[in-house]
N, C-alpha and C. Protein backbone atom coordinates (compact mmCIF):
# COMPACT_ATOMS: atom_id res chain seq x y z
N MET A 1 -29.41 147.95 -124.75
CA MET A 1 -30.77 148.38 -124.50
C MET A 1 -31.41 147.39 -123.52
N ALA A 2 -32.00 147.91 -122.47
CA ALA A 2 -32.64 147.07 -121.46
C ALA A 2 -33.95 146.51 -122.00
N THR A 3 -34.21 145.28 -121.64
CA THR A 3 -35.48 144.68 -122.07
C THR A 3 -36.59 145.19 -121.17
N ARG A 4 -37.76 145.30 -121.74
CA ARG A 4 -38.94 145.76 -121.00
C ARG A 4 -39.82 144.56 -120.74
N ASN A 5 -40.54 144.61 -119.63
CA ASN A 5 -41.52 143.56 -119.40
C ASN A 5 -42.90 144.16 -119.37
N ALA A 6 -43.89 143.31 -119.34
CA ALA A 6 -45.28 143.74 -119.46
C ALA A 6 -45.73 144.65 -118.33
N LEU A 7 -45.04 144.63 -117.21
CA LEU A 7 -45.45 145.45 -116.06
C LEU A 7 -44.79 146.82 -116.03
N ASP A 8 -43.85 147.08 -116.95
CA ASP A 8 -43.23 148.40 -117.00
C ASP A 8 -44.26 149.43 -117.43
N PRO A 9 -44.21 150.63 -116.86
CA PRO A 9 -45.17 151.66 -117.29
C PRO A 9 -44.91 152.06 -118.74
N PRO A 10 -45.96 152.49 -119.43
CA PRO A 10 -45.77 152.91 -120.83
C PRO A 10 -44.82 154.10 -120.93
N ARG A 11 -44.05 154.13 -122.01
CA ARG A 11 -43.21 155.28 -122.32
C ARG A 11 -44.05 156.28 -123.10
N ARG A 12 -43.63 157.51 -123.11
CA ARG A 12 -44.35 158.56 -123.83
C ARG A 12 -44.53 158.20 -125.31
N SER A 13 -43.57 157.53 -125.90
CA SER A 13 -43.61 157.24 -127.33
C SER A 13 -44.30 155.92 -127.67
N ASP A 14 -44.84 155.22 -126.69
CA ASP A 14 -45.49 153.94 -126.96
C ASP A 14 -46.79 154.10 -127.73
N ARG A 15 -47.13 153.04 -128.44
CA ARG A 15 -48.43 152.91 -129.09
C ARG A 15 -49.30 152.07 -128.16
N ILE A 16 -50.46 152.57 -127.79
CA ILE A 16 -51.37 151.88 -126.89
C ILE A 16 -52.72 151.77 -127.58
N PHE A 17 -53.22 150.56 -127.71
CA PHE A 17 -54.52 150.32 -128.31
C PHE A 17 -55.45 149.77 -127.24
N ILE A 18 -56.58 150.47 -127.04
CA ILE A 18 -57.56 150.07 -126.04
C ILE A 18 -58.87 149.78 -126.76
N THR A 19 -59.41 148.59 -126.53
CA THR A 19 -60.65 148.19 -127.19
C THR A 19 -61.59 147.56 -126.18
N GLY A 20 -62.86 147.59 -126.49
CA GLY A 20 -63.87 147.00 -125.62
C GLY A 20 -65.22 147.64 -125.85
N ALA A 21 -66.24 146.97 -125.37
CA ALA A 21 -67.61 147.45 -125.54
C ALA A 21 -67.81 148.79 -124.84
N THR A 22 -68.86 149.48 -125.22
CA THR A 22 -69.22 150.75 -124.60
C THR A 22 -69.44 150.56 -123.10
N GLY A 23 -68.88 151.47 -122.32
CA GLY A 23 -69.08 151.43 -120.87
C GLY A 23 -68.13 150.53 -120.11
N THR A 24 -67.10 150.01 -120.78
CA THR A 24 -66.19 149.09 -120.10
C THR A 24 -64.97 149.77 -119.48
N GLY A 25 -64.75 151.05 -119.76
CA GLY A 25 -63.66 151.77 -119.13
C GLY A 25 -62.56 152.25 -120.06
N LYS A 26 -62.78 152.19 -121.37
CA LYS A 26 -61.75 152.62 -122.32
C LYS A 26 -61.35 154.08 -122.09
N SER A 27 -62.33 154.96 -122.03
CA SER A 27 -62.04 156.39 -121.89
C SER A 27 -61.43 156.72 -120.53
N VAL A 28 -61.84 156.02 -119.49
CA VAL A 28 -61.26 156.25 -118.16
C VAL A 28 -59.77 155.92 -118.19
N LEU A 29 -59.42 154.77 -118.77
CA LEU A 29 -58.01 154.40 -118.88
C LEU A 29 -57.25 155.39 -119.76
N ALA A 30 -57.83 155.77 -120.89
CA ALA A 30 -57.16 156.71 -121.79
C ALA A 30 -56.90 158.05 -121.11
N ARG A 31 -57.88 158.55 -120.36
CA ARG A 31 -57.67 159.82 -119.65
C ARG A 31 -56.51 159.72 -118.67
N ARG A 32 -56.41 158.59 -117.96
CA ARG A 32 -55.31 158.42 -116.99
C ARG A 32 -53.95 158.37 -117.71
N LEU A 33 -53.90 157.65 -118.81
CA LEU A 33 -52.65 157.58 -119.58
C LEU A 33 -52.30 158.95 -120.16
N PHE A 34 -53.30 159.63 -120.68
CA PHE A 34 -53.10 160.96 -121.26
C PHE A 34 -52.61 161.93 -120.20
N ASP A 35 -53.22 161.88 -119.03
CA ASP A 35 -52.87 162.77 -117.93
C ASP A 35 -51.45 162.53 -117.43
N ALA A 36 -50.95 161.33 -117.60
CA ALA A 36 -49.60 161.01 -117.15
C ALA A 36 -48.53 161.66 -118.01
N ASN A 37 -48.91 162.24 -119.13
CA ASN A 37 -47.96 162.88 -120.05
C ASN A 37 -48.16 164.39 -120.04
N PRO A 38 -47.08 165.15 -119.86
CA PRO A 38 -47.20 166.60 -119.97
C PRO A 38 -47.36 167.01 -121.44
N PRO A 39 -47.76 168.27 -121.71
CA PRO A 39 -47.84 168.74 -123.09
C PRO A 39 -46.49 168.62 -123.78
N PRO A 40 -46.53 168.54 -125.12
CA PRO A 40 -47.68 168.69 -126.00
C PRO A 40 -48.49 167.40 -126.06
N ARG A 41 -49.78 167.58 -126.14
CA ARG A 41 -50.69 166.45 -126.28
C ARG A 41 -51.97 166.90 -126.95
N LEU A 42 -52.58 165.95 -127.66
CA LEU A 42 -53.73 166.26 -128.51
C LEU A 42 -54.75 165.14 -128.44
N VAL A 43 -56.01 165.49 -128.23
CA VAL A 43 -57.12 164.55 -128.32
C VAL A 43 -57.84 164.82 -129.64
N ILE A 44 -58.04 163.78 -130.44
CA ILE A 44 -58.91 163.90 -131.61
C ILE A 44 -60.23 163.27 -131.20
N ASP A 45 -61.28 164.09 -131.19
CA ASP A 45 -62.58 163.71 -130.63
C ASP A 45 -63.68 163.82 -131.68
N PRO A 46 -63.87 162.78 -132.51
CA PRO A 46 -64.85 162.87 -133.60
C PRO A 46 -66.28 163.08 -133.14
N LYS A 47 -66.63 162.60 -131.96
CA LYS A 47 -68.00 162.74 -131.47
C LYS A 47 -68.21 164.03 -130.69
N ASP A 48 -67.15 164.83 -130.53
CA ASP A 48 -67.23 166.07 -129.76
C ASP A 48 -67.85 165.79 -128.39
N ASP A 49 -67.31 164.77 -127.72
CA ASP A 49 -67.84 164.29 -126.45
C ASP A 49 -66.95 164.76 -125.31
N VAL A 50 -67.19 165.98 -124.86
CA VAL A 50 -66.38 166.57 -123.80
C VAL A 50 -66.39 165.70 -122.55
N ASP A 51 -67.50 165.02 -122.26
CA ASP A 51 -67.55 164.17 -121.08
C ASP A 51 -66.54 163.04 -121.17
N ALA A 52 -66.33 162.49 -122.36
CA ALA A 52 -65.37 161.40 -122.52
C ALA A 52 -63.95 161.93 -122.56
N THR A 53 -63.67 162.86 -123.46
CA THR A 53 -62.29 163.31 -123.65
C THR A 53 -61.94 164.53 -122.82
N GLY A 54 -62.90 165.22 -122.29
CA GLY A 54 -62.61 166.43 -121.52
C GLY A 54 -62.55 166.19 -120.04
N GLY A 55 -62.63 164.95 -119.64
CA GLY A 55 -62.75 164.59 -118.24
C GLY A 55 -61.59 164.95 -117.36
N ALA A 56 -60.75 164.01 -117.03
CA ALA A 56 -59.85 164.14 -115.89
C ALA A 56 -58.47 164.70 -116.19
N TYR A 57 -58.08 164.95 -117.44
CA TYR A 57 -56.70 165.34 -117.61
C TYR A 57 -56.43 166.71 -117.01
N ARG A 58 -55.23 166.84 -116.52
CA ARG A 58 -54.81 167.89 -115.61
C ARG A 58 -55.17 169.30 -116.07
N ASP A 59 -54.93 169.65 -117.30
CA ASP A 59 -55.11 171.04 -117.73
C ASP A 59 -56.24 171.18 -118.74
N ARG A 60 -57.32 170.44 -118.56
CA ARG A 60 -58.42 170.47 -119.53
C ARG A 60 -59.05 171.86 -119.65
N ARG A 61 -59.03 172.63 -118.58
CA ARG A 61 -59.64 173.97 -118.64
C ARG A 61 -58.85 174.92 -119.53
N THR A 62 -57.58 174.66 -119.68
CA THR A 62 -56.76 175.52 -120.54
C THR A 62 -56.47 174.87 -121.89
N ALA A 63 -57.04 173.69 -122.12
CA ALA A 63 -56.81 173.01 -123.41
C ALA A 63 -57.39 173.86 -124.54
N ILE A 64 -56.70 173.86 -125.64
CA ILE A 64 -57.14 174.57 -126.83
C ILE A 64 -58.06 173.64 -127.62
N THR A 65 -59.29 174.07 -127.87
CA THR A 65 -60.20 173.28 -128.70
C THR A 65 -60.28 173.95 -130.06
N PHE A 66 -60.12 173.17 -131.13
CA PHE A 66 -60.21 173.73 -132.47
C PHE A 66 -61.01 172.79 -133.36
N ARG A 67 -61.57 173.33 -134.46
CA ARG A 67 -62.46 172.57 -135.33
C ARG A 67 -61.97 172.44 -136.76
N THR A 68 -60.92 173.17 -137.12
CA THR A 68 -60.32 173.04 -138.44
C THR A 68 -58.83 172.77 -138.26
N PRO A 69 -58.21 172.02 -139.17
CA PRO A 69 -56.80 171.69 -139.00
C PRO A 69 -55.90 172.91 -139.18
N PRO A 70 -54.69 172.84 -138.62
CA PRO A 70 -53.75 173.95 -138.82
C PRO A 70 -53.27 173.98 -140.27
N ALA A 71 -52.61 175.05 -140.63
CA ALA A 71 -52.05 175.18 -141.99
C ALA A 71 -51.05 174.06 -142.24
N PRO A 72 -50.97 173.57 -143.47
CA PRO A 72 -50.04 172.48 -143.79
C PRO A 72 -48.60 172.83 -143.40
N GLY A 73 -47.90 171.84 -142.83
CA GLY A 73 -46.51 172.02 -142.46
C GLY A 73 -46.27 172.68 -141.12
N ARG A 74 -47.34 173.13 -140.46
CA ARG A 74 -47.17 173.80 -139.17
C ARG A 74 -47.35 172.81 -138.04
N PRO A 75 -46.41 172.77 -137.10
CA PRO A 75 -46.58 171.90 -135.93
C PRO A 75 -47.49 172.58 -134.92
N PHE A 76 -47.88 171.81 -133.92
CA PHE A 76 -48.67 172.36 -132.81
C PHE A 76 -47.75 173.03 -131.80
N PRO A 77 -48.27 173.92 -130.95
CA PRO A 77 -47.43 174.53 -129.91
C PRO A 77 -46.84 173.46 -128.99
N PRO A 78 -45.57 173.60 -128.60
CA PRO A 78 -44.91 172.56 -127.81
C PRO A 78 -45.38 172.48 -126.35
N ASP A 79 -46.11 173.48 -125.89
CA ASP A 79 -46.50 173.51 -124.48
C ASP A 79 -48.02 173.47 -124.30
N ALA A 80 -48.74 172.93 -125.26
CA ALA A 80 -50.21 173.00 -125.23
C ALA A 80 -50.86 171.63 -125.10
N SER A 81 -52.01 171.64 -124.45
CA SER A 81 -52.94 170.52 -124.51
C SER A 81 -54.04 170.95 -125.45
N MET A 82 -54.37 170.10 -126.42
CA MET A 82 -55.31 170.48 -127.46
C MET A 82 -56.38 169.42 -127.64
N ARG A 83 -57.52 169.86 -128.14
CA ARG A 83 -58.63 168.96 -128.44
C ARG A 83 -59.18 169.35 -129.80
N PHE A 84 -59.20 168.38 -130.73
CA PHE A 84 -59.74 168.62 -132.06
C PHE A 84 -61.10 167.95 -132.16
N ALA A 85 -62.12 168.75 -132.39
CA ALA A 85 -63.49 168.26 -132.60
C ALA A 85 -63.92 168.77 -133.97
N PRO A 86 -63.89 167.91 -135.00
CA PRO A 86 -64.12 168.38 -136.37
C PRO A 86 -65.55 168.84 -136.62
N ARG A 87 -65.69 169.76 -137.56
CA ARG A 87 -67.03 170.18 -137.98
C ARG A 87 -67.76 169.03 -138.67
N ASP A 88 -67.03 168.26 -139.49
CA ASP A 88 -67.60 167.11 -140.19
C ASP A 88 -66.84 165.86 -139.74
N PRO A 89 -67.44 165.05 -138.85
CA PRO A 89 -66.72 163.90 -138.31
C PRO A 89 -66.45 162.79 -139.32
N ASP A 90 -67.01 162.89 -140.52
CA ASP A 90 -66.79 161.86 -141.54
C ASP A 90 -65.72 162.25 -142.56
N ASP A 91 -65.09 163.40 -142.40
CA ASP A 91 -64.10 163.89 -143.35
C ASP A 91 -62.71 163.36 -142.99
N LEU A 92 -62.28 162.26 -143.63
CA LEU A 92 -61.00 161.65 -143.32
C LEU A 92 -59.82 162.56 -143.65
N ASP A 93 -59.97 163.44 -144.63
CA ASP A 93 -58.88 164.35 -144.99
C ASP A 93 -58.57 165.32 -143.86
N VAL A 94 -59.58 165.73 -143.12
CA VAL A 94 -59.37 166.64 -141.99
C VAL A 94 -58.57 165.94 -140.90
N TYR A 95 -58.92 164.70 -140.59
CA TYR A 95 -58.15 163.96 -139.58
C TYR A 95 -56.71 163.80 -140.03
N ASP A 96 -56.52 163.50 -141.30
CA ASP A 96 -55.17 163.30 -141.80
C ASP A 96 -54.35 164.58 -141.70
N ALA A 97 -54.97 165.73 -141.96
CA ALA A 97 -54.27 167.01 -141.84
C ALA A 97 -53.86 167.28 -140.39
N VAL A 98 -54.73 166.97 -139.45
CA VAL A 98 -54.42 167.18 -138.04
C VAL A 98 -53.31 166.22 -137.61
N ILE A 99 -53.39 164.97 -138.05
CA ILE A 99 -52.36 164.00 -137.69
C ILE A 99 -51.02 164.36 -138.33
N ALA A 100 -51.04 164.95 -139.53
CA ALA A 100 -49.80 165.42 -140.16
C ALA A 100 -49.14 166.50 -139.31
N ALA A 101 -49.93 167.42 -138.77
CA ALA A 101 -49.39 168.45 -137.89
C ALA A 101 -48.83 167.83 -136.61
N ALA A 102 -49.52 166.81 -136.08
CA ALA A 102 -49.02 166.12 -134.89
C ALA A 102 -47.68 165.44 -135.19
N PHE A 103 -47.56 164.85 -136.38
CA PHE A 103 -46.32 164.17 -136.76
C PHE A 103 -45.15 165.14 -136.78
N ASN A 104 -45.42 166.41 -137.06
CA ASN A 104 -44.38 167.44 -137.10
C ASN A 104 -44.16 168.13 -135.76
N THR A 105 -44.81 167.64 -134.70
CA THR A 105 -44.70 168.25 -133.37
C THR A 105 -43.87 167.32 -132.46
N PRO A 106 -42.64 167.68 -132.17
CA PRO A 106 -41.78 166.80 -131.38
C PRO A 106 -42.41 166.44 -130.03
N GLY A 107 -42.37 165.14 -129.70
CA GLY A 107 -42.78 164.67 -128.39
C GLY A 107 -44.27 164.66 -128.09
N ILE A 108 -45.12 164.88 -129.08
CA ILE A 108 -46.56 164.95 -128.81
C ILE A 108 -47.12 163.55 -128.50
N VAL A 109 -48.16 163.54 -127.69
CA VAL A 109 -48.94 162.33 -127.44
C VAL A 109 -50.31 162.57 -128.05
N LEU A 110 -50.74 161.67 -128.92
CA LEU A 110 -52.00 161.78 -129.63
C LEU A 110 -52.98 160.75 -129.09
N TRP A 111 -54.13 161.20 -128.64
CA TRP A 111 -55.22 160.31 -128.21
C TRP A 111 -56.25 160.33 -129.33
N ALA A 112 -56.38 159.21 -130.04
CA ALA A 112 -57.37 159.08 -131.11
C ALA A 112 -58.59 158.38 -130.54
N ASP A 113 -59.56 159.16 -130.10
CA ASP A 113 -60.81 158.59 -129.61
C ASP A 113 -61.61 158.15 -130.82
N GLU A 114 -62.34 157.05 -130.70
CA GLU A 114 -63.06 156.48 -131.85
C GLU A 114 -62.10 156.29 -133.02
N ALA A 115 -61.03 155.55 -132.76
CA ALA A 115 -59.96 155.38 -133.75
C ALA A 115 -60.45 154.77 -135.07
N GLY A 116 -61.53 154.02 -135.04
CA GLY A 116 -62.08 153.47 -136.28
C GLY A 116 -62.65 154.53 -137.19
N THR A 117 -62.95 155.70 -136.65
CA THR A 117 -63.39 156.85 -137.44
C THR A 117 -62.19 157.67 -137.89
N VAL A 118 -61.23 157.86 -137.00
CA VAL A 118 -60.06 158.71 -137.26
C VAL A 118 -59.03 157.99 -138.14
N ILE A 119 -58.77 156.71 -137.85
CA ILE A 119 -57.79 155.91 -138.58
C ILE A 119 -58.47 154.57 -138.91
N PRO A 120 -59.41 154.59 -139.86
CA PRO A 120 -60.22 153.39 -140.11
C PRO A 120 -59.47 152.28 -140.85
N ALA A 121 -60.02 151.07 -140.72
CA ALA A 121 -59.44 149.92 -141.40
C ALA A 121 -59.42 150.14 -142.91
N ALA A 122 -60.45 150.75 -143.44
CA ALA A 122 -60.51 151.04 -144.87
C ALA A 122 -60.44 152.55 -145.06
N GLY A 123 -59.38 153.03 -145.66
CA GLY A 123 -59.31 154.44 -146.01
C GLY A 123 -58.50 155.32 -145.08
N ALA A 124 -57.66 154.76 -144.22
CA ALA A 124 -56.82 155.59 -143.36
C ALA A 124 -55.90 156.43 -144.24
N GLY A 125 -55.74 157.68 -143.88
CA GLY A 125 -54.91 158.59 -144.67
C GLY A 125 -53.43 158.31 -144.54
N ARG A 126 -52.67 158.89 -145.45
CA ARG A 126 -51.21 158.68 -145.50
C ARG A 126 -50.54 159.16 -144.21
N ALA A 127 -50.92 160.35 -143.72
CA ALA A 127 -50.30 160.88 -142.50
C ALA A 127 -50.64 160.02 -141.29
N ALA A 128 -51.87 159.50 -141.24
CA ALA A 128 -52.26 158.63 -140.13
C ALA A 128 -51.44 157.35 -140.14
N ARG A 129 -51.29 156.74 -141.30
CA ARG A 129 -50.48 155.51 -141.39
C ARG A 129 -49.03 155.79 -141.02
N ARG A 130 -48.53 156.93 -141.44
CA ARG A 130 -47.14 157.31 -141.14
C ARG A 130 -46.96 157.54 -139.64
N TYR A 131 -47.92 158.21 -139.02
CA TYR A 131 -47.83 158.46 -137.58
C TYR A 131 -47.79 157.14 -136.82
N VAL A 132 -48.68 156.21 -137.18
CA VAL A 132 -48.76 154.93 -136.48
C VAL A 132 -47.48 154.11 -136.68
N THR A 133 -46.95 154.07 -137.89
CA THR A 133 -45.82 153.18 -138.17
C THR A 133 -44.46 153.82 -137.93
N GLN A 134 -44.33 155.14 -138.03
CA GLN A 134 -43.03 155.79 -137.90
C GLN A 134 -42.92 156.74 -136.70
N GLY A 135 -44.03 157.03 -136.07
CA GLY A 135 -44.03 158.03 -135.00
C GLY A 135 -43.22 157.65 -133.78
N ARG A 136 -43.23 156.37 -133.42
CA ARG A 136 -42.50 155.95 -132.22
C ARG A 136 -41.03 156.31 -132.32
N GLY A 137 -40.43 156.11 -133.48
CA GLY A 137 -39.02 156.44 -133.68
C GLY A 137 -38.74 157.93 -133.57
N ARG A 138 -39.76 158.73 -133.68
CA ARG A 138 -39.63 160.19 -133.53
C ARG A 138 -40.06 160.66 -132.15
N GLY A 139 -40.37 159.70 -131.25
CA GLY A 139 -40.77 160.05 -129.89
C GLY A 139 -42.22 160.49 -129.76
N LEU A 140 -43.07 160.10 -130.72
CA LEU A 140 -44.47 160.49 -130.73
C LEU A 140 -45.33 159.37 -130.17
N GLY A 141 -46.17 159.68 -129.19
CA GLY A 141 -47.02 158.67 -128.57
C GLY A 141 -48.39 158.57 -129.21
N LEU A 142 -49.04 157.42 -129.01
CA LEU A 142 -50.38 157.20 -129.54
C LEU A 142 -51.19 156.40 -128.53
N ILE A 143 -52.37 156.91 -128.22
CA ILE A 143 -53.37 156.19 -127.44
C ILE A 143 -54.59 156.10 -128.35
N ALA A 144 -54.91 154.90 -128.83
CA ALA A 144 -56.03 154.72 -129.76
C ALA A 144 -57.12 153.89 -129.09
N LEU A 145 -58.36 154.36 -129.14
CA LEU A 145 -59.49 153.66 -128.54
C LEU A 145 -60.53 153.37 -129.60
N HIS A 146 -61.12 152.20 -129.53
CA HIS A 146 -62.27 151.91 -130.37
C HIS A 146 -62.95 150.65 -129.85
N PRO A 147 -64.30 150.61 -129.90
CA PRO A 147 -64.99 149.43 -129.38
C PRO A 147 -64.79 148.16 -130.20
N ARG A 148 -64.54 148.29 -131.50
CA ARG A 148 -64.42 147.12 -132.37
C ARG A 148 -63.03 147.10 -133.02
N PRO A 149 -62.18 146.15 -132.65
CA PRO A 149 -60.83 146.11 -133.22
C PRO A 149 -60.79 145.96 -134.74
N LEU A 150 -61.80 145.33 -135.31
CA LEU A 150 -61.81 145.13 -136.77
C LEU A 150 -62.04 146.42 -137.55
N GLU A 151 -62.50 147.46 -136.88
CA GLU A 151 -62.81 148.71 -137.58
C GLU A 151 -61.64 149.69 -137.63
N VAL A 152 -60.55 149.39 -136.94
CA VAL A 152 -59.39 150.29 -136.97
C VAL A 152 -58.35 149.76 -137.95
N ALA A 153 -57.51 150.65 -138.43
CA ALA A 153 -56.43 150.24 -139.33
C ALA A 153 -55.59 149.16 -138.65
N ARG A 154 -55.29 148.12 -139.37
CA ARG A 154 -54.54 147.00 -138.79
C ARG A 154 -53.17 147.42 -138.27
N ALA A 155 -52.64 148.51 -138.77
CA ALA A 155 -51.33 148.99 -138.30
C ALA A 155 -51.37 149.38 -136.82
N ILE A 156 -52.53 149.77 -136.31
CA ILE A 156 -52.60 150.20 -134.91
C ILE A 156 -52.30 149.04 -133.97
N PRO A 157 -53.09 147.95 -133.97
CA PRO A 157 -52.72 146.85 -133.06
C PRO A 157 -51.40 146.18 -133.44
N ALA A 158 -51.05 146.18 -134.72
CA ALA A 158 -49.80 145.54 -135.15
C ALA A 158 -48.57 146.28 -134.61
N ASN A 159 -48.67 147.58 -134.41
CA ASN A 159 -47.54 148.38 -133.93
C ASN A 159 -47.64 148.73 -132.46
N ALA A 160 -48.67 148.28 -131.78
CA ALA A 160 -48.88 148.64 -130.38
C ALA A 160 -47.96 147.86 -129.45
N GLU A 161 -47.33 148.58 -128.53
CA GLU A 161 -46.57 147.93 -127.47
C GLU A 161 -47.51 147.40 -126.40
N HIS A 162 -48.68 148.04 -126.28
CA HIS A 162 -49.66 147.66 -125.26
C HIS A 162 -51.03 147.57 -125.93
N VAL A 163 -51.71 146.44 -125.74
CA VAL A 163 -53.08 146.27 -126.20
C VAL A 163 -53.91 145.89 -124.98
N VAL A 164 -54.94 146.69 -124.71
CA VAL A 164 -55.83 146.42 -123.59
C VAL A 164 -57.20 146.11 -124.17
N ALA A 165 -57.72 144.93 -123.88
CA ALA A 165 -59.03 144.53 -124.39
C ALA A 165 -59.97 144.33 -123.21
N PHE A 166 -60.97 145.18 -123.14
CA PHE A 166 -62.05 145.01 -122.18
C PHE A 166 -63.06 144.06 -122.83
N ALA A 167 -64.24 143.94 -122.29
CA ALA A 167 -65.25 143.01 -122.80
C ALA A 167 -65.54 143.28 -124.28
N LEU A 168 -65.45 142.22 -125.09
CA LEU A 168 -65.79 142.26 -126.51
C LEU A 168 -66.91 141.25 -126.73
N TYR A 169 -68.03 141.71 -127.27
CA TYR A 169 -69.20 140.85 -127.38
C TYR A 169 -69.46 140.33 -128.78
N HIS A 170 -68.87 140.93 -129.79
CA HIS A 170 -69.10 140.50 -131.15
C HIS A 170 -68.14 139.36 -131.49
N PRO A 171 -68.61 138.24 -132.03
CA PRO A 171 -67.73 137.10 -132.29
C PRO A 171 -66.56 137.39 -133.24
N ASP A 172 -66.71 138.36 -134.14
CA ASP A 172 -65.63 138.69 -135.07
C ASP A 172 -64.46 139.41 -134.38
N ASP A 173 -64.73 139.99 -133.23
CA ASP A 173 -63.70 140.72 -132.50
C ASP A 173 -62.80 139.75 -131.73
């Protein structure tokens, strides 16, 4: 197996954690990384912020937007770009159900916007923890963004091949 260095481009199955204060460029970088991957791909958008997550990726006009998770055990379509904007952004079980479907979708890239809401430090669901810790071995990618690193599940930065930190202003970060 060839060794990788820090300048190699990310692989589809890499875990990427991007953190930094609001307005520092997290979403811009995430959109570029997301756009570099063909479907299947999924954005989980707790704030339903089309300007952030609906921006530059190649097929955003044909992306499927949904508000309730798929039936248990069903994977996502292999050729789709999808955006999940939940009806209740505080319902961790809904995120876990969506992430479980992503885990069953070969080769998917998951962009968890506001990762501290989707996969929080306290209370991350079983499917979310499984995706973060076991997904790479299944070829599943993760792009996780959050302004405060302390608010996301510790498994995210611990399993990340790439951590990008923009300006952090809180001393605990």
